[in-house]
């Protein structure tokens, strides 16, 4: 399987899952979720979907709601993306934004120490 095809599928999954979450899913815990990335395995059997939420205190509750609704989301996804077998979905929280904020804070503290 070419990596270009998987990259296209990753992008299509991000777009379609975002649309499904905002327009099709009725659970209010899922409404303010942002899909940041998707990684589909090379054999197209699994897909890791990375998400972020606005309120960090609702992180665990949101992941539980997403993983509870994954069969519905997978079914809707199979109608929208032409693929022989729709991968199993696993929703994970994207830690890269928190990591980026931590690095930015460290850089700012270094600049403050150099400026004094």
N, C-alpha and C. Protein backbone atom coordinates (compact mmCIF):
# COMPACT_ATOMS: atom_id res chain seq x y z
N UNK A 1 0.86 -1.17 0.00
CA UNK A 1 0.00 0.00 0.00
C UNK A 1 0.90 1.23 0.00
N UNK A 2 0.64 2.13 -0.88
CA UNK A 2 1.49 3.31 -0.97
C UNK A 2 1.18 4.27 0.18
N UNK A 3 2.20 4.95 0.62
CA UNK A 3 2.02 5.89 1.73
C UNK A 3 1.21 7.10 1.29
N UNK A 4 1.22 7.41 0.00
CA UNK A 4 0.43 8.54 -0.49
C UNK A 4 -1.05 8.26 -0.31
N UNK A 5 -1.46 7.02 -0.58
CA UNK A 5 -2.86 6.66 -0.41
C UNK A 5 -3.26 6.75 1.07
N UNK A 6 -2.40 6.28 1.95
CA UNK A 6 -2.70 6.33 3.38
C UNK A 6 -2.76 7.77 3.86
N UNK A 7 -1.86 8.61 3.36
CA UNK A 7 -1.90 10.03 3.72
C UNK A 7 -3.22 10.68 3.27
N UNK A 8 -3.66 10.35 2.07
CA UNK A 8 -4.95 10.87 1.58
C UNK A 8 -6.10 10.38 2.45
N UNK A 9 -6.05 9.10 2.81
CA UNK A 9 -7.09 8.55 3.68
C UNK A 9 -7.06 9.20 5.07
N UNK A 10 -5.86 9.44 5.60
CA UNK A 10 -5.74 10.13 6.89
C UNK A 10 -6.43 11.48 6.84
N UNK A 11 -6.14 12.23 5.79
CA UNK A 11 -6.74 13.56 5.64
C UNK A 11 -8.26 13.47 5.47
N UNK A 12 -8.72 12.53 4.67
CA UNK A 12 -10.17 12.37 4.47
C UNK A 12 -10.85 11.96 5.77
N UNK A 13 -10.22 11.09 6.54
CA UNK A 13 -10.80 10.67 7.81
C UNK A 13 -10.91 11.84 8.78
N UNK A 14 -9.88 12.69 8.85
CA UNK A 14 -9.93 13.86 9.74
C UNK A 14 -11.11 14.75 9.36
N UNK A 15 -11.25 15.04 8.07
CA UNK A 15 -12.34 15.91 7.62
C UNK A 15 -13.71 15.29 7.90
N UNK A 16 -13.88 14.04 7.55
CA UNK A 16 -15.19 13.39 7.69
C UNK A 16 -15.56 13.15 9.15
N UNK A 17 -14.60 12.73 9.95
CA UNK A 17 -14.90 12.51 11.36
C UNK A 17 -15.24 13.84 12.03
N UNK A 18 -14.55 14.91 11.68
CA UNK A 18 -14.88 16.23 12.22
C UNK A 18 -16.31 16.61 11.87
N UNK A 19 -16.69 16.39 10.62
CA UNK A 19 -18.05 16.71 10.20
C UNK A 19 -19.07 15.86 10.96
N UNK A 20 -18.80 14.58 11.07
CA UNK A 20 -19.72 13.67 11.77
C UNK A 20 -19.88 14.09 13.23
N UNK A 21 -18.78 14.44 13.89
CA UNK A 21 -18.85 14.83 15.30
C UNK A 21 -19.65 16.10 15.50
N UNK A 22 -19.51 17.05 14.59
CA UNK A 22 -20.18 18.33 14.77
C UNK A 22 -21.61 18.36 14.27
N UNK A 23 -21.97 17.47 13.35
CA UNK A 23 -23.31 17.53 12.76
C UNK A 23 -24.18 16.31 12.98
N UNK A 24 -23.60 15.15 13.19
CA UNK A 24 -24.38 13.92 13.26
C UNK A 24 -24.54 13.37 14.68
N UNK A 25 -23.50 13.48 15.49
CA UNK A 25 -23.53 12.91 16.84
C UNK A 25 -24.37 13.80 17.74
N UNK A 26 -25.24 13.19 18.53
CA UNK A 26 -26.16 13.95 19.37
C UNK A 26 -25.62 14.19 20.79
N UNK A 27 -24.57 13.50 21.19
CA UNK A 27 -24.01 13.63 22.53
C UNK A 27 -23.37 15.01 22.70
N UNK A 28 -23.82 15.75 23.70
CA UNK A 28 -23.29 17.11 23.93
C UNK A 28 -21.84 17.09 24.41
N UNK A 29 -21.38 15.99 24.98
CA UNK A 29 -19.99 15.91 25.44
C UNK A 29 -19.01 15.88 24.28
N UNK A 30 -19.50 15.59 23.09
CA UNK A 30 -18.63 15.44 21.92
C UNK A 30 -18.66 16.69 21.03
N UNK A 31 -19.54 17.61 21.29
CA UNK A 31 -19.73 18.75 20.38
C UNK A 31 -18.50 19.64 20.25
N UNK A 32 -17.71 19.80 21.30
CA UNK A 32 -16.58 20.73 21.26
C UNK A 32 -15.24 20.00 21.15
N UNK A 33 -15.23 19.01 20.30
CA UNK A 33 -14.02 18.22 20.06
C UNK A 33 -13.41 18.65 18.73
N UNK A 34 -12.09 18.77 18.72
CA UNK A 34 -11.37 19.07 17.49
C UNK A 34 -10.52 17.87 17.11
N UNK A 35 -10.70 17.36 15.91
CA UNK A 35 -9.89 16.25 15.42
C UNK A 35 -8.62 16.85 14.84
N UNK A 36 -7.47 16.47 15.40
CA UNK A 36 -6.20 17.06 14.97
C UNK A 36 -5.43 16.19 13.99
N UNK A 37 -5.58 14.87 14.10
CA UNK A 37 -4.79 13.98 13.24
C UNK A 37 -5.42 12.59 13.22
N UNK A 38 -5.00 11.82 12.23
CA UNK A 38 -5.44 10.43 12.12
C UNK A 38 -4.26 9.64 11.57
N UNK A 39 -4.04 8.46 12.16
CA UNK A 39 -2.99 7.57 11.68
C UNK A 39 -3.61 6.21 11.39
N UNK A 40 -3.70 5.88 10.12
CA UNK A 40 -4.25 4.60 9.70
C UNK A 40 -3.10 3.62 9.53
N UNK A 41 -3.28 2.42 10.04
CA UNK A 41 -2.23 1.41 9.93
C UNK A 41 -2.02 1.02 8.46
N UNK A 42 -0.87 0.47 8.16
CA UNK A 42 -0.54 0.16 6.77
C UNK A 42 -1.45 -0.92 6.17
N UNK A 43 -2.03 -1.78 7.01
CA UNK A 43 -2.95 -2.80 6.49
C UNK A 43 -4.41 -2.33 6.53
N UNK A 44 -4.62 -1.07 6.87
CA UNK A 44 -5.94 -0.42 6.88
C UNK A 44 -6.93 -1.08 7.86
N UNK A 45 -6.43 -1.70 8.91
CA UNK A 45 -7.34 -2.36 9.86
C UNK A 45 -7.64 -1.49 11.08
N UNK A 46 -6.74 -0.59 11.43
CA UNK A 46 -6.94 0.27 12.60
C UNK A 46 -6.62 1.72 12.25
N UNK A 47 -7.32 2.63 12.95
CA UNK A 47 -7.05 4.06 12.79
C UNK A 47 -7.03 4.71 14.16
N UNK A 48 -5.94 5.39 14.46
CA UNK A 48 -5.86 6.18 15.69
C UNK A 48 -6.29 7.59 15.34
N UNK A 49 -7.30 8.08 16.02
CA UNK A 49 -7.83 9.42 15.77
C UNK A 49 -7.46 10.28 16.97
N UNK A 50 -6.68 11.33 16.72
CA UNK A 50 -6.22 12.22 17.79
C UNK A 50 -7.14 13.42 17.88
N UNK A 51 -7.57 13.73 19.12
CA UNK A 51 -8.51 14.82 19.35
C UNK A 51 -8.03 15.72 20.47
N UNK A 52 -8.55 16.94 20.49
CA UNK A 52 -8.35 17.86 21.61
C UNK A 52 -9.71 18.41 22.02
N UNK A 53 -9.77 18.91 23.24
CA UNK A 53 -10.99 19.52 23.77
C UNK A 53 -10.64 20.89 24.33
N UNK A 54 -11.63 21.77 24.38
CA UNK A 54 -11.40 23.10 24.92
C UNK A 54 -11.20 23.08 26.43
N UNK A 55 -11.98 22.27 27.12
CA UNK A 55 -11.94 22.21 28.57
C UNK A 55 -11.18 20.96 29.00
N UNK A 56 -9.98 21.14 29.55
CA UNK A 56 -9.16 19.99 29.94
C UNK A 56 -9.80 19.14 31.04
N UNK A 57 -10.69 19.72 31.83
CA UNK A 57 -11.32 18.95 32.89
C UNK A 57 -12.29 17.90 32.34
N UNK A 58 -12.73 18.07 31.10
CA UNK A 58 -13.66 17.13 30.47
C UNK A 58 -12.96 16.14 29.55
N UNK A 59 -11.64 16.07 29.64
CA UNK A 59 -10.86 15.23 28.74
C UNK A 59 -11.26 13.75 28.83
N UNK A 60 -11.26 13.18 30.02
CA UNK A 60 -11.57 11.76 30.19
C UNK A 60 -13.01 11.45 29.80
N UNK A 61 -13.93 12.31 30.21
CA UNK A 61 -15.35 12.09 29.89
C UNK A 61 -15.57 12.14 28.38
N UNK A 62 -14.87 13.03 27.71
CA UNK A 62 -15.01 13.15 26.26
C UNK A 62 -14.45 11.92 25.55
N UNK A 63 -13.30 11.44 25.99
CA UNK A 63 -12.71 10.24 25.37
C UNK A 63 -13.62 9.03 25.56
N UNK A 64 -14.24 8.90 26.75
CA UNK A 64 -15.18 7.80 26.98
C UNK A 64 -16.38 7.90 26.05
N UNK A 65 -16.90 9.13 25.88
CA UNK A 65 -18.05 9.33 24.99
C UNK A 65 -17.68 9.02 23.54
N UNK A 66 -16.49 9.45 23.12
CA UNK A 66 -16.05 9.18 21.75
C UNK A 66 -15.86 7.69 21.50
N UNK A 67 -15.23 7.01 22.44
CA UNK A 67 -15.02 5.58 22.25
C UNK A 67 -16.33 4.81 22.36
N UNK A 68 -17.30 5.36 23.07
CA UNK A 68 -18.62 4.75 23.12
C UNK A 68 -19.40 4.91 21.82
N UNK A 69 -19.13 6.01 21.12
CA UNK A 69 -19.85 6.30 19.87
C UNK A 69 -19.06 5.87 18.64
N UNK A 70 -17.96 5.17 18.82
CA UNK A 70 -17.10 4.88 17.66
C UNK A 70 -17.76 3.95 16.64
N UNK A 71 -18.65 3.08 17.06
CA UNK A 71 -19.30 2.21 16.06
C UNK A 71 -20.23 3.03 15.17
N UNK A 72 -20.95 4.01 15.77
CA UNK A 72 -21.79 4.90 14.97
C UNK A 72 -20.92 5.73 14.02
N UNK A 73 -19.84 6.28 14.54
CA UNK A 73 -18.95 7.12 13.74
C UNK A 73 -18.33 6.30 12.61
N UNK A 74 -17.94 5.06 12.91
CA UNK A 74 -17.37 4.18 11.89
C UNK A 74 -18.39 3.88 10.80
N UNK A 75 -19.64 3.65 11.19
CA UNK A 75 -20.69 3.38 10.21
C UNK A 75 -20.93 4.57 9.30
N UNK A 76 -20.98 5.76 9.88
CA UNK A 76 -21.15 6.98 9.08
C UNK A 76 -19.95 7.21 8.17
N UNK A 77 -18.77 6.91 8.69
CA UNK A 77 -17.54 7.08 7.92
C UNK A 77 -17.51 6.14 6.71
N UNK A 78 -18.03 4.93 6.89
CA UNK A 78 -18.03 3.97 5.78
C UNK A 78 -18.96 4.42 4.65
N UNK A 79 -19.96 5.23 4.98
CA UNK A 79 -20.86 5.76 3.95
C UNK A 79 -20.21 6.91 3.17
N UNK A 80 -19.26 7.59 3.79
CA UNK A 80 -18.70 8.81 3.21
C UNK A 80 -17.36 8.61 2.50
N UNK A 81 -16.56 7.67 2.96
CA UNK A 81 -15.24 7.43 2.38
C UNK A 81 -15.26 6.09 1.66
N UNK A 82 -14.93 6.10 0.39
CA UNK A 82 -14.95 4.86 -0.39
C UNK A 82 -13.69 4.06 -0.10
N UNK A 83 -13.90 3.01 0.69
CA UNK A 83 -12.83 2.12 1.07
C UNK A 83 -13.47 0.75 1.31
N UNK A 84 -12.78 -0.29 0.93
CA UNK A 84 -13.35 -1.64 1.01
C UNK A 84 -13.70 -2.03 2.44
N UNK A 85 -12.79 -1.77 3.36
CA UNK A 85 -13.00 -2.11 4.77
C UNK A 85 -12.67 -0.89 5.61
N UNK A 86 -13.64 -0.37 6.35
CA UNK A 86 -13.41 0.79 7.20
C UNK A 86 -12.66 0.34 8.46
N UNK A 87 -11.55 0.98 8.78
CA UNK A 87 -10.74 0.55 9.93
C UNK A 87 -11.48 0.73 11.26
N UNK A 88 -11.06 -0.06 12.24
CA UNK A 88 -11.52 0.12 13.61
C UNK A 88 -10.95 1.45 14.11
N UNK A 89 -11.77 2.24 14.79
CA UNK A 89 -11.34 3.54 15.27
C UNK A 89 -10.96 3.48 16.74
N UNK A 90 -9.91 4.20 17.09
CA UNK A 90 -9.53 4.37 18.48
C UNK A 90 -9.24 5.85 18.69
N UNK A 91 -9.95 6.47 19.61
CA UNK A 91 -9.77 7.89 19.88
C UNK A 91 -8.77 8.09 21.00
N UNK A 92 -7.82 8.99 20.76
CA UNK A 92 -6.77 9.29 21.72
C UNK A 92 -6.66 10.80 21.88
N UNK A 93 -6.27 11.24 23.07
CA UNK A 93 -6.09 12.67 23.29
C UNK A 93 -4.75 13.10 22.74
N UNK A 94 -4.73 14.19 21.99
CA UNK A 94 -3.51 14.71 21.37
C UNK A 94 -2.71 15.51 22.39
N UNK A 95 -1.57 14.98 22.78
CA UNK A 95 -0.73 15.62 23.80
C UNK A 95 0.20 16.68 23.20
N UNK A 96 0.26 16.80 21.89
CA UNK A 96 1.23 17.69 21.26
C UNK A 96 0.97 19.16 21.57
N UNK A 97 -0.27 19.55 21.75
CA UNK A 97 -0.58 20.95 22.05
C UNK A 97 -0.09 21.30 23.45
N UNK A 98 -0.33 20.42 24.41
CA UNK A 98 0.17 20.65 25.76
C UNK A 98 1.70 20.69 25.77
N UNK A 99 2.31 19.80 25.02
CA UNK A 99 3.76 19.75 24.94
C UNK A 99 4.30 21.05 24.33
N UNK A 100 3.66 21.53 23.28
CA UNK A 100 4.07 22.79 22.65
C UNK A 100 3.95 23.96 23.61
N UNK A 101 2.87 24.00 24.38
CA UNK A 101 2.70 25.08 25.36
C UNK A 101 3.77 25.02 26.44
N UNK A 102 4.14 23.81 26.86
CA UNK A 102 5.18 23.65 27.87
C UNK A 102 6.52 24.15 27.34
N UNK A 103 6.85 23.81 26.10
CA UNK A 103 8.10 24.27 25.48
C UNK A 103 8.11 25.79 25.35
N UNK A 104 6.97 26.36 24.96
CA UNK A 104 6.87 27.81 24.82
C UNK A 104 7.08 28.51 26.16
N UNK A 105 6.52 27.95 27.23
CA UNK A 105 6.72 28.52 28.57
C UNK A 105 8.18 28.45 28.98
N UNK A 106 8.85 27.34 28.66
CA UNK A 106 10.26 27.21 28.99
C UNK A 106 11.11 28.23 28.24
N UNK A 107 10.80 28.44 26.97
CA UNK A 107 11.55 29.42 26.17
C UNK A 107 11.34 30.83 26.72
N UNK A 108 10.11 31.15 27.09
CA UNK A 108 9.83 32.47 27.67
C UNK A 108 10.57 32.68 28.98
N UNK A 109 10.64 31.64 29.82
CA UNK A 109 11.35 31.77 31.09
C UNK A 109 12.86 31.96 30.86
N UNK A 110 13.40 31.32 29.83
CA UNK A 110 14.81 31.51 29.51
C UNK A 110 15.07 32.93 29.03
N UNK A 111 14.16 33.46 28.20
CA UNK A 111 14.32 34.84 27.73
C UNK A 111 14.20 35.83 28.87
N UNK A 112 13.35 35.55 29.84
CA UNK A 112 13.20 36.46 30.98
C UNK A 112 14.47 36.46 31.81
N UNK A 113 15.09 35.27 31.99
CA UNK A 113 16.33 35.20 32.77
C UNK A 113 17.47 35.93 32.06
N UNK A 114 17.53 35.82 30.71
CA UNK A 114 18.58 36.49 29.94
C UNK A 114 18.39 38.00 29.94
N UNK A 115 17.16 38.45 30.01
CA UNK A 115 16.86 39.88 29.97
C UNK A 115 17.15 40.58 31.28
N UNK A 116 17.24 39.86 32.38
CA UNK A 116 17.46 40.50 33.69
C UNK A 116 18.90 40.70 33.99
